[in-house]
Amino acid sequence: MATADSVPEAAQALAKLDVEHLLLPVLIQLVIIVVVARLFGLLARRLGQPGVVGEIVAGLLLGPSLFGALFPSEFAAIFRPSLQGVEPVLANAVVSKIFTVIAQLGLIFLLFLVGLEFEYGHVRVHGRSAVLISLMGIVVPFALGAGLAPLIHPHLEPHPTAGPVSLLGLTLFLAVALSITAIPVLGRIMMELGITRTRLGAIAITAAAVDDACGWILLASVVAVVKANFEPLEMARMVGLTVGFALLMVFVMRPLLVRYFAYSLRQNHGRLSSTALAVLLATILTSAIATNLIGIFAVFGAFLLGAILSDQVELRRAASAKLQDIVAGFFVPVFFTYTGLQTDIGSLHGTTLWLICGGVIVVAVVGKLIGCGLAARASGFSWREAGIIGAMMNARGLMALIAINVGYELGVVPRSLYCILVLSAVATTAITTPLLLWLRHGTEIEEPIRRSGFLGGESIVETANTAEKSENVVL
C-alpha cells in the first residue's frame, strides 16, 4: 500500500482541499458565464445570428482577450482563483476540469435532443448522398489545409513547452481542424431555425454525423502518426465496435425503449414521470459511456440514442419539455463561453499572423462550400439547395476545438495558431446563418424558418422587432 510520502505533492494538496473553497469560485464563474452568455445570446439574435455565436463571443470578451487585458486583477480574481493550500497553476487546472466536465455533460444532452429531432424518412432516400457530401466535405478542406500549412509554418512561434513546431504535425492537425463539421453547433443552429425535420436538414445532420465520426478516426490516426505508433488494427477495432454498438442500439435497445416509454407516457398522460425521466437520463449517459469506451466522443452515443427514438412523437415532446430549457439555459452556454475564455487574441502579434488568420478562415469556408456543395449538386440537388447544404456543413466548433487542443498538448499547434483556429470556428459558425437566410428563398427551409420566429419577417433587420417573442424557440 502506498504511503503518504509516495503520493505526489499535487495529490496531497488536492486531498486537503476544502470543498467549500472550491465550490465558491466555481459558483461565481457559473453565475457570470450564464448571465453574460444569455445577454450576448439575445444580442446575437437581434443581429440575425444564432445564440451560440453570442455565447462564444461572450467567452472571448470575458477572457484574456478583453476583460483580462483591461482589468487583469479582476480577471484573475474571478477566473484564476486561488485555492487555500493549492498552487495557483494546480488550482486553475482543477477549476478548468470542473467546467470541462459540466460542458461535456451539456453536449451529451444537447446531442440527444438533436438526434431526437432527426428525420429518418429523408435519410432512407438520400443516405448515399449524405455520405458523399460528408466525404467530399472532408477531402477538399483537408487538402486545402495540408497545402496551407507549409506556407504558414515559418511564421509560427515555437510551442511554449515543446519547442519548434513540427511541419508534419502542423500539416496533419491543421488539415483535420479545417475538414470537420461540428454536430452540436450545426444542430443548435438548425433547431433555432426550425429546419431539423426538413429534407435538407436531415441530410446535412447525417453528413455531419458521418463527418464527425470520420473526424475522430482522422484525429486518432493523426495523433498516432505524430507519436510514431500508428496501429491499423486499433483503427479497425474502433470502427468494428462502433458498427456493433449501432446495431445493438437499433435492434435491441430501440424495441425495449419504445415499449417502455409508450407505456409510461400512456400512464402519465403524455408526460415523463420521475421514474421514466431517470430511465431516460441513465440510458443517455450509458450510451455516452459506450461510445467513450469505444474511443470515439461520448456525444455520439447520445446522438444515436436520440436518432433511433426520433419517430416517437410523444416521447420527443415529453423529453424536450423536460430537458430543453436546462440544456439551453445552462449547460450549452457554459461550454461555448468557457471555450472563449481559454482563447487570447493578444497572442496574434503583427500583420502577418492576422493575414494568416484571414487565410485560414477563407480556406475553411471555401473548402466546405466547394466540397459539400459540389457533392450535393452531383447527387441531384439544385444549385441553391447545394449551397444550403454547403453552408450548413460549414459550421464548426466542438470537433475543431478538440483537435486544436490535442494538437496544442502534443506541441504541434502553438498558442497563436490555437487562437486563429478558435476565431475560425467562430467565423465559420457566424457565416452559416446569413448564408442560409440568403439562400432560403424558394426552398423547403423557407417556411420552417419563417414559422420558427427567428426572423419575424422577411429580412434580418426585422429580427430586432421580434427577438423577445422568439425567446420560446428551442435552444
Protein backbone atom coordinates (compact mmCIF):
# COMPACT_ATOMS: atom_id res chain seq x y z
CA MET A 1 0.00 0.00 0.00
CA ALA A 2 1.35 3.44 -0.93
CA THR A 3 2.46 5.66 1.92
CA ALA A 4 1.74 9.36 2.25
CA ASP A 5 5.34 10.10 1.31
CA SER A 6 4.92 8.34 -2.03
CA VAL A 7 1.89 10.39 -3.01
CA PRO A 8 2.76 13.34 -5.30
CA GLU A 9 2.61 16.77 -3.70
CA ALA A 10 -0.19 17.79 -6.05
CA ALA A 11 -2.35 14.88 -4.91
CA GLN A 12 -1.68 15.73 -1.26
CA ALA A 13 -2.69 19.33 -1.86
CA LEU A 14 -5.91 18.24 -3.54
CA ALA A 15 -6.68 15.83 -0.72
CA LYS A 16 -6.52 18.72 1.74
CA LEU A 17 -8.66 20.98 -0.43
CA ASP A 18 -11.82 22.18 1.29
CA VAL A 19 -14.84 21.60 -0.94
CA GLU A 20 -16.37 24.88 0.16
CA HIS A 21 -13.30 26.80 -1.00
CA LEU A 22 -13.53 25.06 -4.38
CA LEU A 23 -17.29 25.49 -4.69
CA LEU A 24 -17.30 29.28 -4.23
CA PRO A 25 -15.14 30.24 -7.27
CA VAL A 26 -16.98 27.72 -9.43
CA LEU A 27 -20.36 29.18 -8.44
CA ILE A 28 -19.17 32.74 -9.07
CA GLN A 29 -17.88 31.82 -12.53
CA LEU A 30 -21.09 29.96 -13.36
CA VAL A 31 -23.26 32.94 -12.46
CA ILE A 32 -21.17 35.29 -14.58
CA ILE A 33 -20.94 32.89 -17.52
CA VAL A 34 -24.66 32.05 -17.59
CA VAL A 35 -25.77 35.70 -17.31
CA VAL A 36 -23.28 37.12 -19.81
CA ALA A 37 -23.84 34.24 -22.24
CA ARG A 38 -27.58 34.86 -22.11
CA LEU A 39 -27.19 38.58 -22.74
CA PHE A 40 -24.87 38.03 -25.69
CA GLY A 41 -27.12 35.27 -26.99
CA LEU A 42 -30.02 37.76 -27.06
CA LEU A 43 -27.82 40.34 -28.76
CA ALA A 44 -26.75 37.79 -31.37
CA ARG A 45 -30.39 37.00 -32.16
CA ARG A 46 -31.13 40.69 -32.60
CA LEU A 47 -28.33 40.75 -35.18
CA GLY A 48 -29.76 37.75 -37.01
CA GLN A 49 -27.30 35.23 -35.57
CA PRO A 50 -28.00 32.10 -33.52
CA GLY A 51 -27.39 32.35 -29.79
CA VAL A 52 -24.34 30.09 -29.98
CA VAL A 53 -22.36 32.81 -31.77
CA GLY A 54 -23.12 35.28 -28.99
CA GLU A 55 -22.10 32.73 -26.36
CA ILE A 56 -18.69 32.10 -27.94
CA VAL A 57 -18.12 35.83 -28.37
CA ALA A 58 -19.12 36.32 -24.72
CA GLY A 59 -16.37 33.92 -23.72
CA LEU A 60 -13.83 35.75 -25.89
CA LEU A 61 -14.75 39.07 -24.30
CA LEU A 62 -14.77 37.67 -20.76
CA GLY A 63 -11.39 36.02 -21.30
CA PRO A 64 -7.84 37.37 -21.52
CA SER A 65 -8.59 38.91 -24.93
CA LEU A 66 -10.58 41.83 -23.45
CA PHE A 67 -11.63 41.63 -19.81
CA GLY A 68 -8.31 40.07 -18.81
CA ALA A 69 -6.36 42.70 -20.76
CA LEU A 70 -8.31 45.69 -19.43
CA PHE A 71 -8.83 44.51 -15.86
CA PRO A 72 -6.13 41.91 -15.11
CA SER A 73 -6.61 41.95 -11.32
CA GLU A 74 -10.37 41.46 -11.50
CA PHE A 75 -9.98 38.81 -14.20
CA ALA A 76 -7.50 36.86 -12.08
CA ALA A 77 -9.73 37.11 -9.01
CA ILE A 78 -12.74 35.68 -10.89
CA PHE A 79 -11.33 33.28 -13.47
CA ARG A 80 -7.92 32.42 -12.00
CA PRO A 81 -8.94 31.99 -8.35
CA SER A 82 -6.56 30.96 -5.60
CA LEU A 83 -7.45 27.94 -3.51
CA GLN A 84 -6.23 27.58 0.03
CA GLY A 85 -3.20 25.31 0.24
CA VAL A 86 -3.06 24.70 -3.53
CA GLU A 87 -0.57 26.13 -6.03
CA PRO A 88 -2.19 28.64 -8.45
CA VAL A 89 -1.39 26.54 -11.53
CA LEU A 90 -2.94 23.45 -9.96
CA ALA A 91 -5.94 25.46 -8.73
CA ASN A 92 -6.61 26.74 -12.24
CA ALA A 93 -6.34 23.21 -13.63
CA VAL A 94 -8.82 21.88 -11.07
CA VAL A 95 -11.42 24.57 -11.79
CA SER A 96 -10.89 24.15 -15.54
CA LYS A 97 -11.53 20.41 -15.33
CA ILE A 98 -14.75 21.02 -13.41
CA PHE A 99 -16.02 23.29 -16.17
CA THR A 100 -14.88 20.82 -18.81
CA VAL A 101 -17.00 18.09 -17.22
CA ILE A 102 -20.02 20.41 -16.99
CA ALA A 103 -19.60 21.38 -20.63
CA GLN A 104 -19.27 17.76 -21.78
CA LEU A 105 -22.45 16.79 -19.92
CA GLY A 106 -24.24 19.63 -21.68
CA LEU A 107 -23.05 18.43 -25.06
CA ILE A 108 -24.24 14.90 -24.33
CA PHE A 109 -27.78 16.11 -23.58
CA LEU A 110 -27.73 18.55 -26.50
CA LEU A 111 -26.76 15.81 -28.95
CA PHE A 112 -29.53 13.59 -27.62
CA LEU A 113 -32.04 16.37 -28.34
CA VAL A 114 -30.54 16.91 -31.79
CA GLY A 115 -30.81 13.19 -32.52
CA LEU A 116 -34.37 13.15 -31.24
CA GLU A 117 -35.27 15.81 -33.83
CA PHE A 118 -33.74 13.67 -36.58
CA GLU A 119 -35.96 12.75 -39.57
CA TYR A 120 -35.18 9.23 -40.82
CA GLY A 121 -37.51 9.30 -43.82
CA HIS A 122 -35.30 11.70 -45.77
CA VAL A 123 -32.15 9.72 -44.95
CA ARG A 124 -33.57 6.47 -46.30
CA VAL A 125 -33.93 8.20 -49.65
CA HIS A 126 -30.78 10.32 -49.60
CA GLY A 127 -28.41 8.38 -47.31
CA ARG A 128 -25.88 7.78 -50.09
CA SER A 129 -25.92 11.48 -50.91
CA ALA A 130 -25.21 12.32 -47.25
CA VAL A 131 -22.18 10.01 -47.22
CA LEU A 132 -20.83 11.51 -50.46
CA ILE A 133 -21.38 15.05 -49.16
CA SER A 134 -19.59 14.18 -45.94
CA LEU A 135 -16.59 12.59 -47.64
CA MET A 136 -16.14 15.42 -50.12
CA GLY A 137 -16.58 17.87 -47.25
CA ILE A 138 -13.59 16.22 -45.60
CA VAL A 139 -11.33 15.59 -48.57
CA VAL A 140 -11.40 19.10 -50.10
CA PRO A 141 -10.81 21.10 -46.86
CA PHE A 142 -8.23 18.53 -45.73
CA ALA A 143 -6.27 19.00 -48.95
CA LEU A 144 -6.52 22.80 -48.71
CA GLY A 145 -5.42 22.75 -45.08
CA ALA A 146 -2.49 20.49 -45.87
CA GLY A 147 -1.46 22.87 -48.64
CA LEU A 148 -1.76 25.91 -46.37
CA ALA A 149 0.34 24.50 -43.52
CA PRO A 150 3.78 24.81 -45.22
CA LEU A 151 3.01 28.45 -46.07
CA ILE A 152 2.25 29.48 -42.50
CA HIS A 153 4.77 27.22 -40.72
CA PRO A 154 7.72 29.68 -40.97
CA HIS A 155 5.67 32.42 -39.32
CA LEU A 156 4.59 30.49 -36.21
CA GLU A 157 6.39 30.87 -32.91
CA PRO A 158 7.76 27.82 -31.07
CA HIS A 159 5.45 25.93 -28.77
CA PRO A 160 5.93 27.17 -25.17
CA THR A 161 6.83 23.71 -23.87
CA ALA A 162 7.62 21.54 -26.93
CA GLY A 163 9.84 23.99 -28.81
CA PRO A 164 9.86 24.34 -32.62
CA VAL A 165 6.66 23.17 -34.30
CA SER A 166 6.86 20.06 -36.47
CA LEU A 167 5.78 20.73 -40.05
CA LEU A 168 4.31 17.22 -40.41
CA GLY A 169 2.34 17.50 -37.19
CA LEU A 170 1.18 21.01 -38.04
CA THR A 171 0.07 19.92 -41.52
CA LEU A 172 -1.95 16.99 -40.23
CA PHE A 173 -3.63 18.84 -37.38
CA LEU A 174 -4.45 21.92 -39.45
CA ALA A 175 -5.94 19.73 -42.18
CA VAL A 176 -8.09 17.85 -39.66
CA ALA A 177 -9.25 21.05 -37.92
CA LEU A 178 -10.41 22.54 -41.23
CA SER A 179 -12.10 19.40 -42.55
CA ILE A 180 -14.63 18.68 -39.82
CA THR A 181 -18.16 19.86 -39.07
CA ALA A 182 -19.44 20.24 -35.51
CA ILE A 183 -22.72 18.41 -34.89
CA PRO A 184 -23.53 20.35 -31.67
CA VAL A 185 -23.07 23.72 -33.37
CA LEU A 186 -24.91 22.71 -36.53
CA GLY A 187 -27.65 21.03 -34.52
CA ARG A 188 -28.24 24.09 -32.41
CA ILE A 189 -28.36 26.39 -35.45
CA MET A 190 -30.82 24.06 -37.16
CA MET A 191 -33.02 23.87 -34.07
CA GLU A 192 -33.12 27.65 -33.72
CA LEU A 193 -34.10 27.97 -37.38
CA GLY A 194 -36.65 25.16 -37.11
CA ILE A 195 -35.22 23.12 -40.01
CA THR A 196 -34.23 19.91 -38.23
CA ARG A 197 -37.04 17.88 -39.78
CA THR A 198 -36.63 19.15 -43.33
CA ARG A 199 -35.08 17.04 -46.08
CA LEU A 200 -32.05 19.31 -46.38
CA GLY A 201 -31.66 19.47 -42.61
CA ALA A 202 -31.76 15.69 -42.24
CA ILE A 203 -29.18 15.21 -44.98
CA ALA A 204 -26.89 17.87 -43.51
CA ILE A 205 -27.05 16.45 -39.97
CA THR A 206 -26.47 12.93 -41.33
CA ALA A 207 -23.49 14.14 -43.33
CA ALA A 208 -22.23 15.99 -40.24
CA ALA A 209 -22.56 12.79 -38.17
CA VAL A 210 -20.50 10.85 -40.73
CA ASP A 211 -18.11 13.81 -40.89
CA ASP A 212 -17.58 13.84 -37.13
CA ALA A 213 -17.14 10.05 -36.98
CA CYS A 214 -14.52 10.24 -39.72
CA GLY A 215 -13.03 13.21 -37.91
CA TRP A 216 -12.46 11.14 -34.79
CA ILE A 217 -10.80 8.40 -36.81
CA LEU A 218 -8.65 11.01 -38.57
CA LEU A 219 -7.76 12.68 -35.30
CA ALA A 220 -6.83 9.39 -33.66
CA SER A 221 -4.76 8.45 -36.70
CA VAL A 222 -3.00 11.81 -36.75
CA VAL A 223 -2.19 11.57 -33.05
CA ALA A 224 -0.78 8.08 -33.69
CA VAL A 225 1.34 9.35 -36.59
CA VAL A 226 2.69 12.24 -34.53
CA LYS A 227 3.52 9.85 -31.71
CA ALA A 228 5.02 7.43 -34.28
CA ASN A 229 2.95 4.47 -33.12
CA PHE A 230 0.24 4.16 -35.78
CA GLU A 231 -1.69 0.87 -35.42
CA PRO A 232 -4.15 -0.01 -38.22
CA LEU A 233 -5.60 -2.83 -36.12
CA GLU A 234 -6.62 -0.35 -33.43
CA MET A 235 -8.42 1.76 -36.02
CA ALA A 236 -10.20 -1.34 -37.33
CA ARG A 237 -11.21 -2.27 -33.78
CA MET A 238 -12.69 1.17 -33.23
CA VAL A 239 -14.70 1.02 -36.45
CA GLY A 240 -15.93 -2.52 -35.76
CA LEU A 241 -17.04 -1.70 -32.22
CA THR A 242 -18.84 1.43 -33.42
CA VAL A 243 -20.80 -0.55 -36.01
CA GLY A 244 -21.59 -3.23 -33.42
CA PHE A 245 -22.82 -0.63 -30.95
CA ALA A 246 -25.06 0.95 -33.60
CA LEU A 247 -26.60 -2.42 -34.45
CA LEU A 248 -27.18 -3.17 -30.76
CA MET A 249 -28.93 0.16 -30.29
CA VAL A 250 -31.17 -0.25 -33.33
CA PHE A 251 -32.18 -3.89 -32.95
CA VAL A 252 -32.07 -4.46 -29.18
CA MET A 253 -32.35 -1.20 -27.26
CA ARG A 254 -34.83 0.57 -29.53
CA PRO A 255 -37.66 -2.03 -29.22
CA LEU A 256 -37.24 -2.15 -25.43
CA LEU A 257 -37.20 1.62 -25.03
CA VAL A 258 -40.13 2.19 -27.39
CA ARG A 259 -42.31 -0.22 -25.43
CA TYR A 260 -41.31 1.17 -22.05
CA PHE A 261 -41.78 4.85 -22.89
CA ALA A 262 -45.01 4.23 -24.81
CA TYR A 263 -46.45 2.51 -21.73
CA SER A 264 -45.11 5.18 -19.32
CA LEU A 265 -46.43 8.07 -21.40
CA ARG A 266 -49.89 6.48 -21.61
CA GLN A 267 -49.96 6.07 -17.85
CA ASN A 268 -48.92 9.69 -17.26
CA HIS A 269 -51.00 11.47 -19.90
CA GLY A 270 -48.10 12.19 -22.26
CA ARG A 271 -45.66 13.39 -19.58
CA LEU A 272 -42.44 11.78 -18.39
CA SER A 273 -42.77 10.60 -14.81
CA SER A 274 -39.81 10.91 -12.43
CA THR A 275 -39.02 7.24 -12.96
CA ALA A 276 -39.26 7.50 -16.75
CA LEU A 277 -37.03 10.59 -16.71
CA ALA A 278 -34.47 8.73 -14.59
CA VAL A 279 -34.55 5.82 -17.06
CA LEU A 280 -34.09 8.24 -19.96
CA LEU A 281 -31.18 10.05 -18.31
CA ALA A 282 -29.50 6.78 -17.36
CA THR A 283 -29.89 5.49 -20.92
CA ILE A 284 -28.46 8.70 -22.40
CA LEU A 285 -25.44 8.54 -20.11
CA THR A 286 -24.95 4.79 -20.67
CA SER A 287 -24.96 5.33 -24.43
CA ALA A 288 -22.37 8.07 -23.97
CA ILE A 289 -20.27 5.76 -21.81
CA ALA A 290 -20.34 3.09 -24.53
CA THR A 291 -19.02 5.31 -27.31
CA ASN A 292 -16.48 6.83 -24.94
CA LEU A 293 -15.13 3.37 -24.13
CA ILE A 294 -15.01 2.54 -27.84
CA GLY A 295 -12.73 5.51 -28.30
CA ILE A 296 -15.00 7.98 -30.08
CA PHE A 297 -16.54 11.02 -28.43
CA ALA A 298 -19.26 10.37 -25.85
CA VAL A 299 -21.79 12.60 -27.62
CA PHE A 300 -22.14 10.11 -30.48
CA GLY A 301 -23.80 7.60 -28.19
CA ALA A 302 -26.30 10.22 -27.06
CA PHE A 303 -26.93 11.32 -30.64
CA LEU A 304 -27.54 7.76 -31.82
CA LEU A 305 -29.95 7.15 -28.94
CA GLY A 306 -31.95 10.22 -29.90
CA ALA A 307 -31.87 9.24 -33.57
CA ILE A 308 -33.30 5.74 -33.02
CA LEU A 309 -36.16 7.24 -30.97
CA SER A 310 -36.84 10.18 -33.28
CA ASP A 311 -40.03 8.67 -34.72
CA GLN A 312 -41.63 8.57 -31.26
CA VAL A 313 -43.54 11.83 -31.40
CA GLU A 314 -44.91 11.80 -27.85
CA LEU A 315 -41.52 10.92 -26.37
CA ARG A 316 -39.89 13.70 -28.37
CA ARG A 317 -42.33 16.26 -27.00
CA ALA A 318 -42.11 14.99 -23.43
CA ALA A 319 -38.31 14.75 -23.41
CA SER A 320 -37.92 18.19 -24.97
CA ALA A 321 -40.25 19.67 -22.36
CA LYS A 322 -38.06 18.25 -19.59
CA LEU A 323 -34.58 18.85 -20.99
CA GLN A 324 -34.51 21.75 -23.43
CA ASP A 325 -34.65 24.66 -21.01
CA ILE A 326 -31.89 23.45 -18.69
CA VAL A 327 -29.68 22.38 -21.59
CA ALA A 328 -30.18 25.66 -23.49
CA GLY A 329 -30.08 27.92 -20.46
CA PHE A 330 -27.21 26.36 -18.51
CA PHE A 331 -25.14 23.51 -19.94
CA VAL A 332 -24.57 24.65 -23.52
CA PRO A 333 -23.73 28.30 -22.71
CA VAL A 334 -21.14 27.05 -20.23
CA PHE A 335 -19.40 25.03 -22.94
CA PHE A 336 -19.29 27.72 -25.61
CA THR A 337 -18.49 30.57 -23.24
CA TYR A 338 -15.77 28.68 -21.41
CA THR A 339 -14.17 27.85 -24.75
CA GLY A 340 -13.87 31.55 -25.48
CA LEU A 341 -12.39 32.11 -22.04
CA GLN A 342 -9.43 29.93 -22.94
CA THR A 343 -8.55 31.99 -26.04
CA ASP A 344 -6.24 35.00 -26.01
CA ILE A 345 -6.48 37.16 -29.13
CA GLY A 346 -3.49 39.10 -27.81
CA SER A 347 -1.31 36.17 -28.91
CA LEU A 348 -1.73 37.32 -32.53
CA HIS A 349 1.12 39.82 -32.87
CA GLY A 350 1.69 41.68 -36.11
CA THR A 351 0.07 41.90 -39.52
CA THR A 352 1.39 38.54 -40.71
CA LEU A 353 -0.47 36.50 -38.13
CA TRP A 354 -3.70 38.38 -38.84
CA LEU A 355 -3.25 37.70 -42.55
CA ILE A 356 -2.73 34.04 -41.72
CA CYS A 357 -5.91 34.15 -39.63
CA GLY A 358 -7.82 35.55 -42.61
CA GLY A 359 -6.33 32.94 -44.92
CA VAL A 360 -7.30 30.09 -42.59
CA ILE A 361 -10.89 31.36 -42.38
CA VAL A 362 -11.15 31.70 -46.18
CA VAL A 363 -9.78 28.19 -46.71
CA ALA A 364 -12.15 26.82 -44.07
CA VAL A 365 -15.22 28.40 -45.67
CA VAL A 366 -14.32 27.76 -49.31
CA GLY A 367 -13.29 24.16 -48.65
CA LYS A 368 -16.66 23.20 -47.19
CA LEU A 369 -18.73 25.18 -49.67
CA ILE A 370 -16.92 23.69 -52.66
CA GLY A 371 -16.56 20.13 -51.37
CA CYS A 372 -20.05 19.70 -49.91
CA GLY A 373 -21.77 21.92 -52.46
CA LEU A 374 -20.40 20.08 -55.50
CA ALA A 375 -21.14 16.71 -53.90
CA ALA A 376 -24.74 17.79 -53.24
CA ARG A 377 -25.11 19.07 -56.78
CA ALA A 378 -23.74 15.79 -58.15
CA SER A 379 -26.35 13.99 -56.00
CA GLY A 380 -29.19 15.73 -57.80
CA PHE A 381 -29.85 18.80 -55.65
CA SER A 382 -30.33 22.20 -57.22
CA TRP A 383 -27.52 24.74 -57.02
CA ARG A 384 -29.40 26.67 -54.34
CA GLU A 385 -30.02 23.51 -52.29
CA ALA A 386 -26.38 22.50 -52.76
CA GLY A 387 -25.36 25.91 -51.44
CA ILE A 388 -27.62 25.46 -48.40
CA ILE A 389 -26.07 22.08 -47.62
CA GLY A 390 -22.57 23.51 -48.06
CA ALA A 391 -23.44 26.41 -45.76
CA MET A 392 -24.78 24.09 -43.04
CA MET A 393 -21.71 21.85 -43.26
CA ASN A 394 -19.54 24.92 -42.83
CA ALA A 395 -20.40 25.26 -39.12
CA ARG A 396 -17.52 24.16 -36.92
CA GLY A 397 -16.83 24.35 -33.23
CA LEU A 398 -16.60 21.31 -30.99
CA MET A 399 -14.52 18.96 -33.13
CA ALA A 400 -12.19 21.73 -34.32
CA LEU A 401 -11.67 22.87 -30.75
CA ILE A 402 -10.92 19.33 -29.60
CA ALA A 403 -8.48 18.86 -32.48
CA ILE A 404 -6.57 22.04 -31.74
CA ASN A 405 -6.47 21.27 -28.01
CA VAL A 406 -4.99 17.86 -28.77
CA GLY A 407 -2.56 19.49 -31.17
CA TYR A 408 -1.54 22.02 -28.54
CA GLU A 409 -0.96 19.31 -25.95
CA LEU A 410 1.20 17.40 -28.43
CA GLY A 411 3.23 20.52 -29.21
CA VAL A 412 2.32 20.91 -32.89
CA VAL A 413 -0.19 23.78 -32.52
CA PRO A 414 1.37 26.91 -30.93
CA ARG A 415 -0.63 29.46 -28.98
CA SER A 416 -1.10 31.85 -31.92
CA LEU A 417 -2.49 29.11 -34.19
CA TYR A 418 -4.74 27.95 -31.36
CA CYS A 419 -6.26 31.43 -31.27
CA ILE A 420 -6.52 31.55 -35.08
CA LEU A 421 -8.43 28.27 -35.22
CA VAL A 422 -10.83 29.33 -32.46
CA LEU A 423 -11.54 32.54 -34.37
CA SER A 424 -12.03 30.44 -37.50
CA ALA A 425 -14.59 28.30 -35.65
CA VAL A 426 -16.44 31.47 -34.60
CA ALA A 427 -16.30 32.98 -38.09
CA THR A 428 -17.49 29.86 -39.89
CA THR A 429 -20.33 29.48 -37.40
CA ALA A 430 -21.28 33.15 -37.72
CA ILE A 431 -21.40 33.00 -41.52
CA THR A 432 -23.61 29.89 -41.60
CA THR A 433 -26.90 31.54 -40.64
CA PRO A 434 -26.59 34.55 -43.01
CA LEU A 435 -25.82 32.15 -45.86
CA LEU A 436 -28.86 30.03 -45.02
CA LEU A 437 -31.11 33.08 -44.81
CA TRP A 438 -29.76 34.38 -48.12
CA LEU A 439 -30.27 31.05 -49.90
CA ARG A 440 -33.56 30.02 -48.27
CA HIS A 441 -35.96 31.69 -50.75
CA GLY A 442 -37.87 29.20 -52.86
CA THR A 443 -36.59 26.17 -50.96
CA GLU A 444 -38.14 23.84 -48.40
CA ILE A 445 -36.40 25.58 -45.47
CA GLU A 446 -38.05 28.95 -46.13
CA GLU A 447 -41.35 28.16 -44.44
CA PRO A 448 -39.86 26.40 -41.36
CA ILE A 449 -37.54 29.36 -40.79
CA ARG A 450 -40.48 31.74 -41.01
CA ARG A 451 -42.50 29.64 -38.55
CA SER A 452 -39.58 29.37 -36.12
CA GLY A 453 -39.89 33.03 -35.21
CA PHE A 454 -36.18 33.53 -35.84
CA LEU A 455 -36.78 36.35 -38.31
CA GLY A 456 -40.25 37.54 -37.53
CA GLY A 457 -40.35 38.91 -41.09
CA GLU A 458 -38.59 38.67 -44.41
CA SER A 459 -35.33 40.35 -43.51
CA ILE A 460 -32.66 40.11 -40.85
CA VAL A 461 -33.26 43.75 -39.91
CA GLU A 462 -36.76 42.88 -38.69
CA THR A 463 -35.35 40.37 -36.23
CA ALA A 464 -34.78 43.15 -33.72
CA ASN A 465 -38.51 43.82 -33.53
CA THR A 466 -39.40 40.24 -32.65
CA ALA A 467 -36.43 38.95 -30.68
CA GLU A 468 -38.36 38.92 -27.42
CA LYS A 469 -41.25 36.97 -28.98
CA SER A 470 -38.88 34.29 -30.22
CA GLU A 471 -37.43 33.52 -26.81
CA ASN A 472 -39.51 30.36 -26.60
CA VAL A 473 -37.84 28.90 -29.68
CA VAL A 474 -36.00 25.71 -28.84
CA LEU A 475 -32.36 26.20 -27.88
